[in-house]
Amino acid sequence: MANTPQAKKRALQNAKRFSVNKARRSRIRTYLRKVEEAIASGDKSAAQEALRIAQPELMRGVSKGVFHKNTASRKMSRLASRVKALG
């Protein structure tokens, strides 16, 4: 356990940051899941709309340090190509 006041403060900050990041990560995954569900249903317009909403949310996660930039770019690229392939 933390002994110094500085270490105690850092432990509290880490716990708070973890919960914020966890909520943000969960929110992003929800948006990505909506895109996946729209792709699975075969509805191209719904998939495009879901992707349009998910992209800024994913990049916001990058700017907040929840995801790496390349990871987010890879996810967006793969989703976009799958949406584009819908008939």
PDB file of N, CA and C in Angstrom:
ATOM      1  N   MET A   1       0.850  -1.193   0.000  1.00  0.00           N
ATOM      2  CA  MET A   1       0.000   0.000   0.000  1.00  0.00           C
ATOM      3  C   MET A   1       0.883   1.240   0.000  1.00  0.00           C
ATOM      4  N   ALA A   2       0.320   2.337  -0.490  1.00  0.00           N
ATOM      5  CA  ALA A   2       1.053   3.592  -0.581  1.00  0.00           C
ATOM      6  C   ALA A   2       1.342   4.136   0.818  1.00  0.00           C
ATOM      7  N   ASN A   3       2.565   4.605   1.012  1.00  0.00           N
ATOM      8  CA  ASN A   3       2.968   5.111   2.327  1.00  0.00           C
ATOM      9  C   ASN A   3       3.089   6.626   2.367  1.00  0.00           C
ATOM     10  N   THR A   4       3.682   7.193   1.328  1.00  0.00           N
ATOM     11  CA  THR A   4       3.884   8.644   1.341  1.00  0.00           C
ATOM     12  C   THR A   4       2.615   9.348   0.868  1.00  0.00           C
ATOM     13  N   PRO A   5       2.454  10.599   1.257  1.00  0.00           N
ATOM     14  CA  PRO A   5       1.274  11.349   0.779  1.00  0.00           C
ATOM     15  C   PRO A   5       1.197  11.420  -0.746  1.00  0.00           C
ATOM     16  N   GLN A   6       2.353  11.559  -1.390  1.00  0.00           N
ATOM     17  CA  GLN A   6       2.374  11.633  -2.848  1.00  0.00           C
ATOM     18  C   GLN A   6       1.897  10.319  -3.466  1.00  0.00           C
ATOM     19  N   ALA A   7       2.341   9.196  -2.884  1.00  0.00           N
ATOM     20  CA  ALA A   7       1.950   7.890  -3.412  1.00  0.00           C
ATOM     21  C   ALA A   7       0.458   7.643  -3.178  1.00  0.00           C
ATOM     22  N   LYS A   8      -0.056   8.106  -2.055  1.00  0.00           N
ATOM     23  CA  LYS A   8      -1.491   7.967  -1.773  1.00  0.00           C
ATOM     24  C   LYS A   8      -2.311   8.773  -2.781  1.00  0.00           C
ATOM     25  N   LYS A   9      -1.851   9.982  -3.068  1.00  0.00           N
ATOM     26  CA  LYS A   9      -2.550  10.826  -4.031  1.00  0.00           C
ATOM     27  C   LYS A   9      -2.520  10.182  -5.415  1.00  0.00           C
ATOM     28  N   ARG A  10      -1.362   9.648  -5.803  1.00  0.00           N
ATOM     29  CA  ARG A  10      -1.257   9.012  -7.116  1.00  0.00           C
ATOM     30  C   ARG A  10      -2.180   7.796  -7.207  1.00  0.00           C
ATOM     31  N   ALA A  11      -2.306   7.047  -6.128  1.00  0.00           N
ATOM     32  CA  ALA A  11      -3.192   5.879  -6.127  1.00  0.00           C
ATOM     33  C   ALA A  11      -4.637   6.304  -6.350  1.00  0.00           C
ATOM     34  N   LEU A  12      -5.042   7.402  -5.705  1.00  0.00           N
ATOM     35  CA  LEU A  12      -6.402   7.911  -5.904  1.00  0.00           C
ATOM     36  C   LEU A  12      -6.602   8.407  -7.335  1.00  0.00           C
ATOM     37  N   GLN A  13      -5.606   9.119  -7.854  1.00  0.00           N
ATOM     38  CA  GLN A  13      -5.695   9.631  -9.221  1.00  0.00           C
ATOM     39  C   GLN A  13      -5.778   8.483 -10.226  1.00  0.00           C
ATOM     40  N   ASN A  14      -4.984   7.442  -9.983  1.00  0.00           N
ATOM     41  CA  ASN A  14      -4.994   6.293 -10.890  1.00  0.00           C
ATOM     42  C   ASN A  14      -6.349   5.603 -10.889  1.00  0.00           C
ATOM     43  N   ALA A  15      -6.942   5.467  -9.716  1.00  0.00           N
ATOM     44  CA  ALA A  15      -8.253   4.819  -9.614  1.00  0.00           C
ATOM     45  C   ALA A  15      -9.315   5.634 -10.361  1.00  0.00           C
ATOM     46  N   LYS A  16      -9.275   6.947 -10.190  1.00  0.00           N
ATOM     47  CA  LYS A  16     -10.239   7.813 -10.859  1.00  0.00           C
ATOM     48  C   LYS A  16     -10.054   7.765 -12.376  1.00  0.00           C
ATOM     49  N   ARG A  17      -8.811   7.840 -12.825  1.00  0.00           N
ATOM     50  CA  ARG A  17      -8.511   7.812 -14.251  1.00  0.00           C
ATOM     51  C   ARG A  17      -8.935   6.479 -14.858  1.00  0.00           C
ATOM     52  N   PHE A  18      -8.717   5.384 -14.103  1.00  0.00           N
ATOM     53  CA  PHE A  18      -9.095   4.054 -14.590  1.00  0.00           C
ATOM     54  C   PHE A  18     -10.597   3.982 -14.834  1.00  0.00           C
ATOM     55  N   SER A  19     -11.383   4.511 -13.905  1.00  0.00           N
ATOM     56  CA  SER A  19     -12.837   4.440 -14.072  1.00  0.00           C
ATOM     57  C   SER A  19     -13.314   5.307 -15.234  1.00  0.00           C
ATOM     58  N   VAL A  20     -12.705   6.467 -15.419  1.00  0.00           N
ATOM     59  CA  VAL A  20     -13.062   7.337 -16.548  1.00  0.00           C
ATOM     60  C   VAL A  20     -12.716   6.654 -17.864  1.00  0.00           C
ATOM     61  N   ASN A  21     -11.499   6.079 -17.944  1.00  0.00           N
ATOM     62  CA  ASN A  21     -11.071   5.408 -19.164  1.00  0.00           C
ATOM     63  C   ASN A  21     -11.921   4.179 -19.456  1.00  0.00           C
ATOM     64  N   LYS A  22     -12.316   3.466 -18.391  1.00  0.00           N
ATOM     65  CA  LYS A  22     -13.144   2.274 -18.560  1.00  0.00           C
ATOM     66  C   LYS A  22     -14.494   2.657 -19.157  1.00  0.00           C
ATOM     67  N   ALA A  23     -15.088   3.733 -18.660  1.00  0.00           N
ATOM     68  CA  ALA A  23     -16.378   4.192 -19.186  1.00  0.00           C
ATOM     69  C   ALA A  23     -16.237   4.628 -20.637  1.00  0.00           C
ATOM     70  N   ARG A  24     -15.155   5.330 -20.945  1.00  0.00           N
ATOM     71  CA  ARG A  24     -14.943   5.802 -22.310  1.00  0.00           C
ATOM     72  C   ARG A  24     -14.735   4.633 -23.269  1.00  0.00           C
ATOM     73  N   ARG A  25     -13.940   3.652 -22.833  1.00  0.00           N
ATOM     74  CA  ARG A  25     -13.691   2.473 -23.659  1.00  0.00           C
ATOM     75  C   ARG A  25     -14.998   1.707 -23.914  1.00  0.00           C
ATOM     76  N   SER A  26     -15.820   1.590 -22.890  1.00  0.00           N
ATOM     77  CA  SER A  26     -17.103   0.909 -23.017  1.00  0.00           C
ATOM     78  C   SER A  26     -18.010   1.638 -24.001  1.00  0.00           C
ATOM     79  N   ARG A  27     -18.028   2.957 -23.909  1.00  0.00           N
ATOM     80  CA  ARG A  27     -18.853   3.776 -24.805  1.00  0.00           C
ATOM     81  C   ARG A  27     -18.417   3.595 -26.259  1.00  0.00           C
ATOM     82  N   ILE A  28     -17.110   3.578 -26.498  1.00  0.00           N
ATOM     83  CA  ILE A  28     -16.591   3.411 -27.846  1.00  0.00           C
ATOM     84  C   ILE A  28     -16.952   2.027 -28.384  1.00  0.00           C
ATOM     85  N   ARG A  29     -16.821   1.005 -27.537  1.00  0.00           N
ATOM     86  CA  ARG A  29     -17.148  -0.352 -27.968  1.00  0.00           C
ATOM     87  C   ARG A  29     -18.627  -0.476 -28.318  1.00  0.00           C
ATOM     88  N   THR A  30     -19.470   0.266 -27.605  1.00  0.00           N
ATOM     89  CA  THR A  30     -20.905   0.256 -27.918  1.00  0.00           C
ATOM     90  C   THR A  30     -21.141   0.798 -29.318  1.00  0.00           C
ATOM     91  N   TYR A  31     -20.493   1.911 -29.649  1.00  0.00           N
ATOM     92  CA  TYR A  31     -20.638   2.494 -30.987  1.00  0.00           C
ATOM     93  C   TYR A  31     -20.134   1.528 -32.054  1.00  0.00           C
ATOM     94  N   LEU A  32     -19.008   0.875 -31.788  1.00  0.00           N
ATOM     95  CA  LEU A  32     -18.464  -0.075 -32.754  1.00  0.00           C
ATOM     96  C   LEU A  32     -19.400  -1.270 -32.923  1.00  0.00           C
ATOM     97  N   ARG A  33     -20.010  -1.704 -31.820  1.00  0.00           N
ATOM     98  CA  ARG A  33     -20.941  -2.824 -31.891  1.00  0.00           C
ATOM     99  C   ARG A  33     -22.168  -2.466 -32.735  1.00  0.00           C
ATOM    100  N   LYS A  34     -22.623  -1.208 -32.637  1.00  0.00           N
ATOM    101  CA  LYS A  34     -23.763  -0.771 -33.450  1.00  0.00           C
ATOM    102  C   LYS A  34     -23.431  -0.839 -34.939  1.00  0.00           C
ATOM    103  N   VAL A  35     -22.190  -0.491 -35.288  1.00  0.00           N
ATOM    104  CA  VAL A  35     -21.773  -0.588 -36.687  1.00  0.00           C
ATOM    105  C   VAL A  35     -21.763  -2.055 -37.115  1.00  0.00           C
ATOM    106  N   GLU A  36     -21.201  -2.917 -36.269  1.00  0.00           N
ATOM    107  CA  GLU A  36     -21.144  -4.351 -36.568  1.00  0.00           C
ATOM    108  C   GLU A  36     -22.544  -4.922 -36.775  1.00  0.00           C
ATOM    109  N   GLU A  37     -23.487  -4.530 -35.916  1.00  0.00           N
ATOM    110  CA  GLU A  37     -24.858  -5.040 -36.021  1.00  0.00           C
ATOM    111  C   GLU A  37     -25.519  -4.558 -37.311  1.00  0.00           C
ATOM    112  N   ALA A  38     -25.264  -3.303 -37.685  1.00  0.00           N
ATOM    113  CA  ALA A  38     -25.827  -2.776 -38.929  1.00  0.00           C
ATOM    114  C   ALA A  38     -25.245  -3.504 -40.139  1.00  0.00           C
ATOM    115  N   ILE A  39     -23.954  -3.832 -40.071  1.00  0.00           N
ATOM    116  CA  ILE A  39     -23.325  -4.577 -41.170  1.00  0.00           C
ATOM    117  C   ILE A  39     -23.932  -5.980 -41.245  1.00  0.00           C
ATOM    118  N   ALA A  40     -24.110  -6.603 -40.089  1.00  0.00           N
ATOM    119  CA  ALA A  40     -24.657  -7.962 -40.050  1.00  0.00           C
ATOM    120  C   ALA A  40     -26.087  -8.002 -40.587  1.00  0.00           C
ATOM    121  N   SER A  41     -26.843  -6.950 -40.355  1.00  0.00           N
ATOM    122  CA  SER A  41     -28.220  -6.918 -40.843  1.00  0.00           C
ATOM    123  C   SER A  41     -28.281  -6.636 -42.345  1.00  0.00           C
ATOM    124  N   GLY A  42     -27.189  -6.134 -42.911  1.00  0.00           N
ATOM    125  CA  GLY A  42     -27.127  -5.883 -44.342  1.00  0.00           C
ATOM    126  C   GLY A  42     -27.700  -4.544 -44.762  1.00  0.00           C
ATOM    127  N   ASP A  43     -27.983  -3.674 -43.793  1.00  0.00           N
ATOM    128  CA  ASP A  43     -28.554  -2.355 -44.093  1.00  0.00           C
ATOM    129  C   ASP A  43     -27.419  -1.355 -44.296  1.00  0.00           C
ATOM    130  N   LYS A  44     -27.145  -1.017 -45.559  1.00  0.00           N
ATOM    131  CA  LYS A  44     -25.992  -0.175 -45.868  1.00  0.00           C
ATOM    132  C   LYS A  44     -26.148   1.247 -45.316  1.00  0.00           C
ATOM    133  N   SER A  45     -27.343   1.831 -45.451  1.00  0.00           N
ATOM    134  CA  SER A  45     -27.524   3.212 -44.975  1.00  0.00           C
ATOM    135  C   SER A  45     -27.391   3.295 -43.460  1.00  0.00           C
ATOM    136  N   ALA A  46     -27.928   2.296 -42.761  1.00  0.00           N
ATOM    137  CA  ALA A  46     -27.793   2.279 -41.295  1.00  0.00           C
ATOM    138  C   ALA A  46     -26.340   2.087 -40.894  1.00  0.00           C
ATOM    139  N   ALA A  47     -25.627   1.237 -41.630  1.00  0.00           N
ATOM    140  CA  ALA A  47     -24.214   0.992 -41.333  1.00  0.00           C
ATOM    141  C   ALA A  47     -23.391   2.248 -41.568  1.00  0.00           C
ATOM    142  N   GLN A  48     -23.678   2.962 -42.665  1.00  0.00           N
ATOM    143  CA  GLN A  48     -22.951   4.200 -42.946  1.00  0.00           C
ATOM    144  C   GLN A  48     -23.199   5.238 -41.854  1.00  0.00           C
ATOM    145  N   GLU A  49     -24.439   5.349 -41.417  1.00  0.00           N
ATOM    146  CA  GLU A  49     -24.780   6.318 -40.368  1.00  0.00           C
ATOM    147  C   GLU A  49     -24.098   5.944 -39.050  1.00  0.00           C
ATOM    148  N   ALA A  50     -24.129   4.652 -38.710  1.00  0.00           N
ATOM    149  CA  ALA A  50     -23.488   4.195 -37.471  1.00  0.00           C
ATOM    150  C   ALA A  50     -21.987   4.441 -37.519  1.00  0.00           C
ATOM    151  N   LEU A  51     -21.383   4.215 -38.698  1.00  0.00           N
ATOM    152  CA  LEU A  51     -19.937   4.447 -38.846  1.00  0.00           C
ATOM    153  C   LEU A  51     -19.618   5.934 -38.739  1.00  0.00           C
ATOM    154  N   ARG A  52     -20.470   6.768 -39.331  1.00  0.00           N
ATOM    155  CA  ARG A  52     -20.255   8.219 -39.274  1.00  0.00           C
ATOM    156  C   ARG A  52     -20.292   8.721 -37.828  1.00  0.00           C
ATOM    157  N   ILE A  53     -21.136   8.115 -37.010  1.00  0.00           N
ATOM    158  CA  ILE A  53     -21.234   8.507 -35.604  1.00  0.00           C
ATOM    159  C   ILE A  53     -20.076   7.921 -34.792  1.00  0.00           C
ATOM    160  N   ALA A  54     -19.629   6.714 -35.158  1.00  0.00           N
ATOM    161  CA  ALA A  54     -18.584   6.027 -34.387  1.00  0.00           C
ATOM    162  C   ALA A  54     -17.197   6.624 -34.608  1.00  0.00           C
ATOM    163  N   GLN A  55     -16.937   7.149 -35.803  1.00  0.00           N
ATOM    164  CA  GLN A  55     -15.583   7.629 -36.113  1.00  0.00           C
ATOM    165  C   GLN A  55     -15.093   8.730 -35.171  1.00  0.00           C
ATOM    166  N   PRO A  56     -15.853   9.818 -34.954  1.00  0.00           N
ATOM    167  CA  PRO A  56     -15.329  10.842 -34.043  1.00  0.00           C
ATOM    168  C   PRO A  56     -15.203  10.338 -32.606  1.00  0.00           C
ATOM    169  N   GLU A  57     -16.073   9.408 -32.222  1.00  0.00           N
ATOM    170  CA  GLU A  57     -15.997   8.848 -30.865  1.00  0.00           C
ATOM    171  C   GLU A  57     -14.699   8.062 -30.700  1.00  0.00           C
ATOM    172  N   LEU A  58     -14.344   7.311 -31.721  1.00  0.00           N
ATOM    173  CA  LEU A  58     -13.116   6.528 -31.687  1.00  0.00           C
ATOM    174  C   LEU A  58     -11.887   7.434 -31.654  1.00  0.00           C
ATOM    175  N   MET A  59     -11.895   8.498 -32.451  1.00  0.00           N
ATOM    176  CA  MET A  59     -10.759   9.419 -32.459  1.00  0.00           C
ATOM    177  C   MET A  59     -10.671  10.214 -31.159  1.00  0.00           C
ATOM    178  N   ARG A  60     -11.807  10.459 -30.530  1.00  0.00           N
ATOM    179  CA  ARG A  60     -11.796  11.112 -29.223  1.00  0.00           C
ATOM    180  C   ARG A  60     -11.102  10.213 -28.203  1.00  0.00           C
ATOM    181  N   GLY A  61     -11.323   8.909 -28.325  1.00  0.00           N
ATOM    182  CA  GLY A  61     -10.626   7.959 -27.456  1.00  0.00           C
ATOM    183  C   GLY A  61      -9.127   8.002 -27.663  1.00  0.00           C
ATOM    184  N   VAL A  62      -8.705   8.237 -28.904  1.00  0.00           N
ATOM    185  CA  VAL A  62      -7.273   8.367 -29.194  1.00  0.00           C
ATOM    186  C   VAL A  62      -6.714   9.614 -28.519  1.00  0.00           C
ATOM    187  N   SER A  63      -7.423  10.730 -28.655  1.00  0.00           N
ATOM    188  CA  SER A  63      -6.911  11.978 -28.085  1.00  0.00           C
ATOM    189  C   SER A  63      -6.892  11.942 -26.564  1.00  0.00           C
ATOM    190  N   LYS A  64      -7.757  11.114 -25.965  1.00  0.00           N
ATOM    191  CA  LYS A  64      -7.788  10.988 -24.504  1.00  0.00           C
ATOM    192  C   LYS A  64      -6.834   9.908 -24.002  1.00  0.00           C
ATOM    193  N   GLY A  65      -6.196   9.203 -24.923  1.00  0.00           N
ATOM    194  CA  GLY A  65      -5.196   8.218 -24.522  1.00  0.00           C
ATOM    195  C   GLY A  65      -5.755   6.843 -24.206  1.00  0.00           C
ATOM    196  N   VAL A  66      -6.991   6.562 -24.609  1.00  0.00           N
ATOM    197  CA  VAL A  66      -7.584   5.258 -24.330  1.00  0.00           C
ATOM    198  C   VAL A  66      -7.138   4.241 -25.372  1.00  0.00           C
ATOM    199  N   PHE A  67      -7.040   4.663 -26.634  1.00  0.00           N
ATOM    200  CA  PHE A  67      -6.601   3.803 -27.725  1.00  0.00           C
ATOM    201  C   PHE A  67      -5.389   4.433 -28.402  1.00  0.00           C
ATOM    202  N   HIS A  68      -4.579   3.583 -29.017  1.00  0.00           N
ATOM    203  CA  HIS A  68      -3.474   4.070 -29.829  1.00  0.00           C
ATOM    204  C   HIS A  68      -4.019   4.525 -31.175  1.00  0.00           C
ATOM    205  N   LYS A  69      -3.379   5.519 -31.760  1.00  0.00           N
ATOM    206  CA  LYS A  69      -3.863   6.098 -33.014  1.00  0.00           C
ATOM    207  C   LYS A  69      -3.948   5.056 -34.127  1.00  0.00           C
ATOM    208  N   ASN A  70      -2.935   4.217 -34.235  1.00  0.00           N
ATOM    209  CA  ASN A  70      -2.927   3.215 -35.301  1.00  0.00           C
ATOM    210  C   ASN A  70      -4.030   2.175 -35.099  1.00  0.00           C
ATOM    211  N   THR A  71      -4.317   1.848 -33.848  1.00  0.00           N
ATOM    212  CA  THR A  71      -5.389   0.890 -33.560  1.00  0.00           C
ATOM    213  C   THR A  71      -6.724   1.454 -34.021  1.00  0.00           C
ATOM    214  N   ALA A  72      -6.987   2.701 -33.689  1.00  0.00           N
ATOM    215  CA  ALA A  72      -8.244   3.335 -34.082  1.00  0.00           C
ATOM    216  C   ALA A  72      -8.334   3.450 -35.591  1.00  0.00           C
ATOM    217  N   SER A  73      -7.243   3.820 -36.232  1.00  0.00           N
ATOM    218  CA  SER A  73      -7.236   3.942 -37.691  1.00  0.00           C
ATOM    219  C   SER A  73      -7.503   2.597 -38.348  1.00  0.00           C
ATOM    220  N   ARG A  74      -6.898   1.562 -37.807  1.00  0.00           N
ATOM    221  CA  ARG A  74      -7.095   0.212 -38.355  1.00  0.00           C
ATOM    222  C   ARG A  74      -8.552  -0.216 -38.213  1.00  0.00           C
ATOM    223  N   LYS A  75      -9.146   0.029 -37.043  1.00  0.00           N
ATOM    224  CA  LYS A  75     -10.551  -0.328 -36.819  1.00  0.00           C
ATOM    225  C   LYS A  75     -11.464   0.428 -37.783  1.00  0.00           C
ATOM    226  N   MET A  76     -11.227   1.732 -37.930  1.00  0.00           N
ATOM    227  CA  MET A  76     -12.060   2.534 -38.824  1.00  0.00           C
ATOM    228  C   MET A  76     -11.914   2.080 -40.269  1.00  0.00           C
ATOM    229  N   SER A  77     -10.690   1.787 -40.686  1.00  0.00           N
ATOM    230  CA  SER A  77     -10.444   1.367 -42.052  1.00  0.00           C
ATOM    231  C   SER A  77     -11.160   0.056 -42.354  1.00  0.00           C
ATOM    232  N   ARG A  78     -11.060  -0.905 -41.445  1.00  0.00           N
ATOM    233  CA  ARG A  78     -11.672  -2.210 -41.670  1.00  0.00           C
ATOM    234  C   ARG A  78     -13.195  -2.110 -41.677  1.00  0.00           C
ATOM    235  N   LEU A  79     -13.730  -1.301 -40.771  1.00  0.00           N
ATOM    236  CA  LEU A  79     -15.192  -1.118 -40.748  1.00  0.00           C
ATOM    237  C   LEU A  79     -15.674  -0.414 -42.015  1.00  0.00           C
ATOM    238  N   ALA A  80     -14.938   0.621 -42.434  1.00  0.00           N
ATOM    239  CA  ALA A  80     -15.328   1.362 -43.620  1.00  0.00           C
ATOM    240  C   ALA A  80     -15.323   0.482 -44.864  1.00  0.00           C
ATOM    241  N   SER A  81     -14.321  -0.384 -44.970  1.00  0.00           N
ATOM    242  CA  SER A  81     -14.264  -1.257 -46.138  1.00  0.00           C
ATOM    243  C   SER A  81     -15.391  -2.275 -46.117  1.00  0.00           C
ATOM    244  N   ARG A  82     -15.780  -2.739 -44.915  1.00  0.00           N
ATOM    245  CA  ARG A  82     -16.895  -3.682 -44.818  1.00  0.00           C
ATOM    246  C   ARG A  82     -18.216  -3.009 -45.143  1.00  0.00           C
ATOM    247  N   VAL A  83     -18.371  -1.740 -44.714  1.00  0.00           N
ATOM    248  CA  VAL A  83     -19.593  -1.005 -45.037  1.00  0.00           C
ATOM    249  C   VAL A  83     -19.671  -0.760 -46.535  1.00  0.00           C
ATOM    250  N   LYS A  84     -18.542  -0.410 -47.115  1.00  0.00           N
ATOM    251  CA  LYS A  84     -18.495  -0.124 -48.553  1.00  0.00           C
ATOM    252  C   LYS A  84     -18.849  -1.364 -49.368  1.00  0.00           C
ATOM    253  N   ALA A  85     -18.474  -2.537 -48.862  1.00  0.00           N
ATOM    254  CA  ALA A  85     -18.704  -3.795 -49.589  1.00  0.00           C
ATOM    255  C   ALA A  85     -20.164  -4.235 -49.540  1.00  0.00           C
ATOM    256  N   LEU A  86     -20.957  -3.642 -48.661  1.00  0.00           N
ATOM    257  CA  LEU A  86     -22.376  -4.028 -48.584  1.00  0.00           C
ATOM    258  C   LEU A  86     -23.072  -3.689 -49.903  1.00  0.00           C
ATOM    259  N   GLY A  87     -23.965  -4.580 -50.302  1.00  0.00           N
ATOM    260  CA  GLY A  87     -24.627  -4.384 -51.588  1.00  0.00           C
ATOM    261  C   GLY A  87     -25.781  -3.466 -51.581  1.00  0.00           C
TER     262      GLY A  87
END
